[in-house]
Amino acid sequence: MLEALRSGWITTGPKAKRFEQEFAAYVGAKHALALAHCTGALHLALWSLGIGQGDEVITTPFTFTATAEVMGYLGARPVFVDVDPGTFNLNPARVEEELESGRHKRVRALLPVHFAGQVCDMDRLLKIVRDYDLKIVEDAAHAVSAARHMEGRGMAQVGTIGDLTCFSFYATKNFTTAEGGMITTADDALADKIAVASLHGMNKDAWKRYDKSGSWYYEIHDMGFKYNLSDVHAAIGLAQLKRAEDFKRRRAEIARRYGEALRSDDALQPPYVEPGVEHAWHLYVMRLRPEKLRIGRNQFVETLRERGVGCSVHCIPLHTMHYYQQMYGYRTGDFPVAEDIYSRCFSLPIYYSMSDEDVDYVIDTVLKIARENRR
């Protein structure tokens, strides 16, 4: 980062290009396009597929608002379907039911979210998009470095499966550029379209215009947006990418220790990992069994915080939010699985620099609160 600052070249330039190349190599993608954030990546991905006014995109309500809000940018409608009660991911059976119902004639794409870092059932989702002639855009904001065993392919890395995959490098992610995102794709035409659109629709990057090999002349070829990633942010990403495997291993180790210890109390429900999934462990989301406890999720979380364990809740289902109810007519009760998960779940701290003593303290505190509040 200091090298980028001292060079005088701080906007999109050679470090952003290098970050794209190294990230593409890391996930095994043909193309990687660095962007200002994952929200922009999701927007550009749907836009590049021609999704627009009146179109529909099937996605999950159990996600952060960015997944669905970008559809509104394009005049499209999010079609929510309920999630799998074990993985919290988009339930392929519910997707099929929605498509077979005939209620949605303008579905153009699926937008699955690899929630917490666990990869969706991509074999089934890919079959659905083939059967219905749809596109698939993966929200992989939680899933950098995740993979899944797939029919005929073996272990498939997230970033190489769908038509387009969108990653986040926000400050809380497994590795970060402070703010940033990336799209990967194997489609040359989509990659070219996104590259041009990410910087005002110009046919030349800024750094190509101003370095010795470039020209001052530029043309506007398409509608454009301001979604380019700066070299300063890319430089952070390059340094973080070198450590990505170490980060991944440590998160997996913490998750393993949590799971082994917390299964000892039947009031606690650690996360389930499907066979054949290489989980990224962006989040460690567990649930309570309220019938076993005298306190609910909210009080459990507050007690953890009072005792020095930072935790949060991911995610509040979108269909229960005012905007999605007013804009699209959704109502609380529409997706009972997502609502049940939300009512009982919370996320324990999981990050590379946690010491073994930190992990032990979290485990001991969770178990102690559960014991203190048994029915």
Protein backbone atom coordinates (compact mmCIF):
# COMPACT_ATOMS: atom_id res chain seq x y z
CA MET A 1 0.00 0.00 0.00
CA LEU A 2 2.84 2.38 0.86
CA GLU A 3 4.42 1.53 -2.49
CA ALA A 4 1.19 2.51 -4.24
CA LEU A 5 0.97 5.78 -2.31
CA ARG A 6 4.63 6.68 -2.96
CA SER A 7 4.30 5.87 -6.65
CA GLY A 8 1.79 8.68 -7.10
CA TRP A 9 -0.57 6.22 -8.79
CA ILE A 10 -3.40 5.68 -6.32
CA THR A 11 -6.47 5.15 -8.52
CA THR A 12 -7.17 2.13 -10.73
CA GLY A 13 -3.90 1.03 -12.27
CA PRO A 14 -1.28 -1.70 -12.38
CA LYS A 15 -1.89 -2.99 -8.86
CA ALA A 16 -5.61 -3.41 -9.55
CA LYS A 17 -4.76 -5.37 -12.70
CA ARG A 18 -2.30 -7.53 -10.79
CA PHE A 19 -4.88 -8.16 -8.07
CA GLU A 20 -7.34 -9.32 -10.73
CA GLN A 21 -4.77 -11.70 -12.21
CA GLU A 22 -3.69 -13.14 -8.87
CA PHE A 23 -7.26 -13.54 -7.62
CA ALA A 24 -8.27 -15.29 -10.85
CA ALA A 25 -5.37 -17.68 -10.38
CA TYR A 26 -6.28 -18.24 -6.72
CA VAL A 27 -9.85 -19.35 -7.45
CA GLY A 28 -9.13 -20.87 -10.86
CA ALA A 29 -11.31 -18.43 -12.82
CA LYS A 30 -10.73 -17.35 -16.41
CA HIS A 31 -11.56 -13.70 -15.71
CA ALA A 32 -11.60 -11.63 -12.51
CA LEU A 33 -12.72 -8.00 -12.47
CA ALA A 34 -11.89 -5.84 -9.44
CA LEU A 35 -14.61 -3.47 -8.28
CA ALA A 36 -15.30 -0.95 -5.53
CA HIS A 37 -17.59 -3.28 -3.58
CA CYS A 38 -19.65 -6.45 -3.82
CA THR A 39 -22.89 -4.47 -4.11
CA GLY A 40 -21.53 -3.00 -7.33
CA ALA A 41 -20.45 -6.46 -8.43
CA LEU A 42 -23.97 -7.82 -7.96
CA HIS A 43 -25.45 -4.83 -9.78
CA LEU A 44 -23.06 -5.16 -12.73
CA ALA A 45 -23.52 -8.93 -12.90
CA LEU A 46 -27.30 -8.67 -13.25
CA TRP A 47 -27.02 -5.67 -15.57
CA SER A 48 -24.55 -7.48 -17.84
CA LEU A 49 -27.11 -10.28 -18.29
CA GLY A 50 -29.67 -7.76 -19.54
CA ILE A 51 -31.94 -8.01 -16.51
CA GLY A 52 -34.16 -4.97 -16.36
CA GLN A 53 -37.59 -3.48 -15.82
CA GLY A 54 -40.20 -6.06 -14.85
CA ASP A 55 -37.81 -9.01 -14.78
CA GLU A 56 -37.60 -11.34 -11.78
CA VAL A 57 -34.65 -12.94 -9.98
CA ILE A 58 -35.07 -15.80 -7.51
CA THR A 59 -33.03 -15.41 -4.34
CA THR A 60 -33.07 -16.00 -0.60
CA PRO A 61 -34.63 -13.76 2.05
CA PHE A 62 -31.94 -14.89 4.52
CA THR A 63 -29.19 -12.50 3.43
CA PHE A 64 -27.98 -8.93 3.71
CA THR A 65 -30.03 -6.37 1.83
CA ALA A 66 -27.40 -5.79 -0.88
CA THR A 67 -28.29 -9.14 -2.48
CA ALA A 68 -31.82 -8.01 -3.27
CA GLU A 69 -31.53 -4.22 -3.33
CA VAL A 70 -29.50 -4.25 -6.56
CA MET A 71 -32.51 -5.69 -8.35
CA GLY A 72 -34.34 -2.48 -7.56
CA TYR A 73 -31.59 -0.51 -9.32
CA LEU A 74 -32.61 -2.30 -12.51
CA GLY A 75 -36.37 -2.22 -12.01
CA ALA A 76 -36.39 -5.97 -11.41
CA ARG A 77 -38.17 -7.82 -8.61
CA PRO A 78 -36.63 -10.18 -6.05
CA VAL A 79 -38.58 -13.43 -5.82
CA PHE A 80 -37.77 -14.87 -2.41
CA VAL A 81 -37.95 -18.59 -1.68
CA ASP A 82 -37.36 -20.25 1.66
CA VAL A 83 -34.06 -21.74 2.75
CA ASP A 84 -32.78 -25.14 3.77
CA PRO A 85 -33.12 -25.58 7.56
CA GLY A 86 -29.67 -27.16 7.88
CA THR A 87 -27.45 -25.06 5.63
CA PHE A 88 -29.49 -21.80 5.62
CA ASN A 89 -28.90 -21.69 1.84
CA LEU A 90 -31.42 -21.38 -0.97
CA ASN A 91 -33.53 -24.56 -1.00
CA PRO A 92 -33.55 -26.06 -4.54
CA ALA A 93 -36.86 -27.83 -3.90
CA ARG A 94 -38.53 -24.51 -3.05
CA VAL A 95 -36.97 -22.94 -6.18
CA GLU A 96 -38.47 -25.69 -8.33
CA GLU A 97 -41.87 -25.27 -6.69
CA GLU A 98 -41.83 -21.53 -7.37
CA LEU A 99 -40.92 -22.01 -11.02
CA GLU A 100 -43.50 -24.77 -11.48
CA SER A 101 -46.24 -22.68 -9.86
CA GLY A 102 -46.60 -20.45 -12.90
CA ARG A 103 -46.80 -17.35 -10.68
CA HIS A 104 -43.60 -15.89 -12.05
CA LYS A 105 -43.40 -15.62 -15.82
CA ARG A 106 -40.41 -13.26 -15.99
CA VAL A 107 -37.77 -15.05 -13.95
CA ARG A 108 -34.45 -14.53 -15.71
CA ALA A 109 -31.90 -15.71 -13.17
CA LEU A 110 -31.15 -17.35 -9.84
CA LEU A 111 -29.06 -15.53 -7.26
CA PRO A 112 -28.00 -18.03 -4.58
CA VAL A 113 -26.03 -16.86 -1.53
CA HIS A 114 -23.33 -19.11 -0.10
CA PHE A 115 -24.36 -18.19 3.41
CA ALA A 116 -21.65 -17.98 6.10
CA GLY A 117 -19.22 -19.63 3.66
CA GLN A 118 -21.09 -22.90 3.01
CA VAL A 119 -21.54 -23.57 -0.70
CA CYS A 120 -25.09 -24.02 -1.99
CA ASP A 121 -26.24 -27.23 -3.68
CA MET A 122 -24.90 -26.07 -7.03
CA ASP A 123 -25.51 -29.37 -8.86
CA ARG A 124 -29.24 -29.03 -8.30
CA LEU A 125 -29.31 -25.29 -8.94
CA LEU A 126 -27.38 -25.67 -12.20
CA LYS A 127 -29.84 -28.33 -13.35
CA ILE A 128 -32.70 -25.93 -12.61
CA VAL A 129 -31.16 -23.11 -14.65
CA ARG A 130 -30.56 -25.50 -17.55
CA ASP A 131 -34.13 -26.82 -17.41
CA TYR A 132 -35.63 -23.33 -17.33
CA ASP A 133 -33.06 -21.55 -19.53
CA LEU A 134 -31.98 -19.16 -16.77
CA LYS A 135 -28.68 -17.62 -15.73
CA ILE A 136 -27.04 -18.01 -12.34
CA VAL A 137 -25.21 -15.28 -10.43
CA GLU A 138 -23.57 -16.41 -7.18
CA ASP A 139 -23.40 -14.10 -4.19
CA ALA A 140 -20.09 -15.29 -2.72
CA ALA A 141 -19.61 -12.37 -0.33
CA HIS A 142 -19.08 -14.93 2.45
CA ALA A 143 -17.40 -17.61 0.38
CA VAL A 144 -13.94 -16.67 -0.84
CA SER A 145 -11.86 -19.90 -0.76
CA ALA A 146 -14.95 -22.14 -0.39
CA ALA A 147 -15.45 -25.19 -2.62
CA ARG A 148 -17.88 -28.04 -3.19
CA HIS A 149 -17.66 -31.51 -4.70
CA MET A 150 -19.72 -31.54 -7.90
CA GLU A 151 -20.82 -34.26 -10.27
CA GLY A 152 -18.25 -34.85 -12.98
CA ARG A 153 -15.92 -32.16 -11.67
CA GLY A 154 -14.67 -33.17 -8.26
CA MET A 155 -13.98 -30.21 -5.95
CA ALA A 156 -15.15 -27.03 -7.66
CA GLN A 157 -13.93 -23.72 -6.32
CA VAL A 158 -16.48 -20.95 -5.79
CA GLY A 159 -15.77 -18.50 -8.58
CA THR A 160 -15.72 -21.16 -11.28
CA ILE A 161 -19.25 -22.59 -11.10
CA GLY A 162 -21.99 -20.13 -12.15
CA ASP A 163 -22.21 -17.67 -15.02
CA LEU A 164 -20.93 -14.91 -12.74
CA THR A 165 -19.70 -14.93 -9.15
CA CYS A 166 -19.52 -11.86 -6.90
CA PHE A 167 -17.07 -11.60 -3.99
CA SER A 168 -16.70 -9.07 -1.17
CA PHE A 169 -13.51 -7.75 0.38
CA TYR A 170 -15.27 -5.55 2.93
CA ALA A 171 -13.48 -4.94 6.23
CA THR A 172 -15.11 -7.89 8.02
CA LYS A 173 -14.52 -10.48 5.29
CA ASN A 174 -12.07 -13.41 5.37
CA PHE A 175 -9.54 -11.21 3.65
CA THR A 176 -10.03 -7.58 2.89
CA THR A 177 -9.18 -4.58 0.73
CA ALA A 178 -10.95 -2.35 3.32
CA GLU A 179 -13.67 -1.80 0.71
CA GLY A 180 -13.80 -3.81 -2.48
CA GLY A 181 -15.31 -6.58 -4.56
CA MET A 182 -14.65 -8.87 -7.51
CA ILE A 183 -16.59 -10.60 -10.29
CA THR A 184 -15.34 -13.83 -11.81
CA THR A 185 -16.60 -15.40 -15.01
CA ALA A 186 -15.54 -17.72 -17.81
CA ASP A 187 -17.51 -15.72 -20.37
CA ASP A 188 -15.26 -13.45 -22.48
CA ALA A 189 -18.10 -11.22 -23.67
CA LEU A 190 -19.50 -10.68 -20.16
CA ALA A 191 -16.01 -9.94 -18.82
CA ASP A 192 -15.42 -7.32 -21.52
CA LYS A 193 -18.83 -5.75 -20.95
CA ILE A 194 -18.31 -5.52 -17.18
CA ALA A 195 -14.77 -4.15 -17.53
CA VAL A 196 -16.02 -1.31 -19.73
CA ALA A 197 -19.13 -0.60 -17.65
CA SER A 198 -17.25 -0.48 -14.34
CA LEU A 199 -15.54 2.77 -15.38
CA HIS A 200 -18.17 4.96 -17.03
CA GLY A 201 -18.44 2.83 -20.18
CA MET A 202 -15.03 3.99 -21.43
CA ASN A 203 -13.02 1.78 -23.75
CA LYS A 204 -9.74 2.60 -21.93
CA ASP A 205 -8.81 2.30 -18.28
CA ALA A 206 -7.55 5.50 -16.69
CA TRP A 207 -4.07 4.07 -16.23
CA LYS A 208 -3.89 3.08 -19.91
CA ARG A 209 -4.67 6.66 -20.88
CA TYR A 210 -1.95 8.13 -18.71
CA ASP A 211 0.93 5.67 -18.82
CA LYS A 212 3.46 5.60 -21.68
CA SER A 213 1.61 2.91 -23.64
CA GLY A 214 -1.72 4.68 -23.53
CA SER A 215 -3.50 7.40 -25.45
CA TRP A 216 -5.43 10.47 -24.34
CA TYR A 217 -8.32 9.47 -26.59
CA TYR A 218 -11.24 7.49 -25.23
CA GLU A 219 -14.69 6.50 -26.45
CA ILE A 220 -17.90 5.75 -24.55
CA HIS A 221 -19.14 2.37 -25.73
CA ASP A 222 -21.93 1.56 -23.31
CA MET A 223 -23.81 2.67 -20.22
CA GLY A 224 -21.31 3.00 -17.41
CA PHE A 225 -20.98 3.12 -13.64
CA LYS A 226 -18.29 4.23 -11.18
CA TYR A 227 -17.34 0.90 -9.66
CA ASN A 228 -13.58 0.70 -10.23
CA LEU A 229 -11.19 -0.42 -7.44
CA SER A 230 -8.27 1.87 -6.59
CA ASP A 231 -4.65 0.72 -6.57
CA VAL A 232 -4.41 1.56 -2.86
CA HIS A 233 -7.21 -0.88 -2.07
CA ALA A 234 -5.84 -3.43 -4.53
CA ALA A 235 -2.44 -3.25 -2.83
CA ILE A 236 -4.06 -4.24 0.47
CA GLY A 237 -5.78 -7.08 -1.35
CA LEU A 238 -2.53 -8.34 -2.86
CA ALA A 239 -0.93 -8.52 0.59
CA GLN A 240 -4.00 -10.19 2.08
CA LEU A 241 -4.26 -12.69 -0.77
CA LYS A 242 -0.80 -14.03 0.09
CA ARG A 243 -2.14 -14.94 3.53
CA ALA A 244 -5.53 -16.25 2.42
CA GLU A 245 -4.71 -19.93 2.99
CA ASP A 246 -3.40 -19.20 6.49
CA PHE A 247 -6.56 -17.26 7.28
CA LYS A 248 -8.66 -20.14 5.94
CA ARG A 249 -6.87 -22.79 8.00
CA ARG A 250 -7.17 -20.80 11.23
CA ARG A 251 -10.88 -20.14 10.75
CA ALA A 252 -11.46 -23.85 10.06
CA GLU A 253 -9.54 -24.78 13.21
CA ILE A 254 -11.60 -22.39 15.34
CA ALA A 255 -14.83 -23.73 13.82
CA ARG A 256 -13.72 -27.31 14.54
CA ARG A 257 -12.99 -26.50 18.18
CA TYR A 258 -16.30 -24.70 18.61
CA GLY A 259 -18.21 -27.59 17.09
CA GLU A 260 -16.53 -30.29 19.16
CA ALA A 261 -17.08 -28.41 22.41
CA LEU A 262 -20.56 -26.99 21.91
CA ARG A 263 -22.14 -30.27 20.81
CA SER A 264 -21.82 -31.39 24.43
CA ASP A 265 -24.88 -29.30 25.40
CA ASP A 266 -28.17 -30.23 23.75
CA ALA A 267 -29.50 -26.69 24.24
CA LEU A 268 -26.98 -25.59 21.61
CA GLN A 269 -27.08 -26.38 17.90
CA PRO A 270 -23.72 -25.85 16.14
CA PRO A 271 -23.76 -25.31 12.37
CA TYR A 272 -24.19 -28.25 10.02
CA VAL A 273 -21.72 -28.69 7.15
CA GLU A 274 -22.87 -30.74 4.17
CA PRO A 275 -20.64 -33.59 2.97
CA GLY A 276 -18.33 -32.56 0.16
CA VAL A 277 -18.29 -28.89 1.16
CA GLU A 278 -15.11 -26.97 1.93
CA HIS A 279 -16.58 -24.26 4.17
CA ALA A 280 -15.01 -20.80 4.16
CA TRP A 281 -16.17 -20.10 7.74
CA HIS A 282 -16.79 -16.42 7.19
CA LEU A 283 -19.38 -16.73 9.97
CA TYR A 284 -19.91 -19.28 12.71
CA VAL A 285 -23.70 -19.23 13.05
CA MET A 286 -25.19 -21.45 15.71
CA ARG A 287 -28.72 -21.81 17.07
CA LEU A 288 -30.35 -22.26 20.43
CA ARG A 289 -32.99 -24.86 21.22
CA PRO A 290 -35.40 -22.57 23.13
CA GLU A 291 -37.35 -25.44 24.65
CA LYS A 292 -34.20 -26.30 26.64
CA LEU A 293 -33.58 -22.79 28.01
CA ARG A 294 -35.28 -20.20 30.21
CA ILE A 295 -33.95 -17.32 28.10
CA GLY A 296 -34.29 -16.54 24.42
CA ARG A 297 -31.74 -15.67 21.77
CA ASN A 298 -31.71 -11.92 22.42
CA GLN A 299 -30.97 -12.31 26.13
CA PHE A 300 -28.38 -15.00 25.42
CA VAL A 301 -26.56 -12.63 23.04
CA GLU A 302 -26.71 -9.73 25.49
CA THR A 303 -25.31 -11.93 28.27
CA LEU A 304 -22.45 -13.01 26.01
CA ARG A 305 -21.65 -9.38 25.26
CA GLU A 306 -21.78 -8.44 28.93
CA ARG A 307 -19.19 -11.15 29.59
CA GLY A 308 -16.84 -9.94 26.90
CA VAL A 309 -17.77 -12.14 23.95
CA GLY A 310 -18.48 -10.04 20.90
CA CYS A 311 -21.23 -11.66 18.85
CA SER A 312 -23.93 -10.65 16.41
CA VAL A 313 -26.99 -11.97 14.57
CA HIS A 314 -26.91 -12.86 10.85
CA CYS A 315 -29.29 -12.21 9.16
CA ILE A 316 -32.67 -10.55 9.66
CA PRO A 317 -34.86 -11.98 6.86
CA LEU A 318 -35.48 -9.36 4.22
CA HIS A 319 -39.18 -10.10 3.80
CA THR A 320 -39.79 -8.93 7.39
CA MET A 321 -38.28 -5.50 6.62
CA HIS A 322 -40.43 -2.42 6.00
CA TYR A 323 -38.97 -1.65 2.56
CA TYR A 324 -39.50 -5.13 1.12
CA GLN A 325 -43.02 -5.29 2.51
CA GLN A 326 -43.99 -1.89 1.13
CA MET A 327 -42.19 -2.27 -2.20
CA TYR A 328 -42.93 -5.89 -3.06
CA GLY A 329 -45.81 -6.95 -0.82
CA TYR A 330 -43.96 -9.51 1.29
CA ARG A 331 -45.20 -10.23 4.80
CA THR A 332 -43.84 -11.69 8.01
CA GLY A 333 -44.76 -15.38 7.96
CA ASP A 334 -44.09 -15.86 4.25
CA PHE A 335 -40.88 -17.87 4.80
CA PRO A 336 -41.14 -19.77 8.08
CA VAL A 337 -37.81 -21.62 7.86
CA ALA A 338 -35.83 -18.39 7.47
CA GLU A 339 -37.81 -16.83 10.32
CA ASP A 340 -37.24 -19.80 12.63
CA ILE A 341 -33.49 -19.75 11.95
CA TYR A 342 -33.36 -16.00 12.60
CA SER A 343 -35.27 -16.31 15.89
CA ARG A 344 -32.73 -18.78 17.30
CA CYS A 345 -29.37 -17.95 15.67
CA PHE A 346 -26.34 -15.91 16.60
CA SER A 347 -22.75 -15.66 15.35
CA LEU A 348 -19.73 -16.35 17.52
CA PRO A 349 -16.45 -14.52 16.91
CA ILE A 350 -14.21 -16.23 14.36
CA TYR A 351 -11.12 -14.53 12.96
CA TYR A 352 -7.49 -15.28 12.23
CA SER A 353 -5.91 -13.49 15.19
CA MET A 354 -8.05 -15.18 17.86
CA SER A 355 -5.74 -16.95 20.28
CA ASP A 356 -6.44 -20.43 21.64
CA GLU A 357 -7.18 -18.74 24.96
CA ASP A 358 -9.77 -16.52 23.26
CA VAL A 359 -11.43 -19.57 21.74
CA ASP A 360 -11.46 -21.36 25.10
CA TYR A 361 -13.03 -18.32 26.76
CA VAL A 362 -15.80 -18.16 24.14
CA ILE A 363 -16.54 -21.87 24.53
CA ASP A 364 -16.53 -21.75 28.31
CA THR A 365 -18.76 -18.67 28.39
CA VAL A 366 -21.33 -20.08 25.98
CA LEU A 367 -21.52 -23.36 27.90
CA LYS A 368 -21.75 -21.57 31.23
CA ILE A 369 -24.64 -19.35 30.13
CA ALA A 370 -26.45 -22.40 28.76
CA ARG A 371 -25.96 -24.26 32.06
CA GLU A 372 -27.12 -21.28 34.11
CA ASN A 373 -30.34 -21.00 32.14
CA ARG A 374 -31.47 -24.60 31.69
CA ARG A 375 -35.18 -25.25 32.05
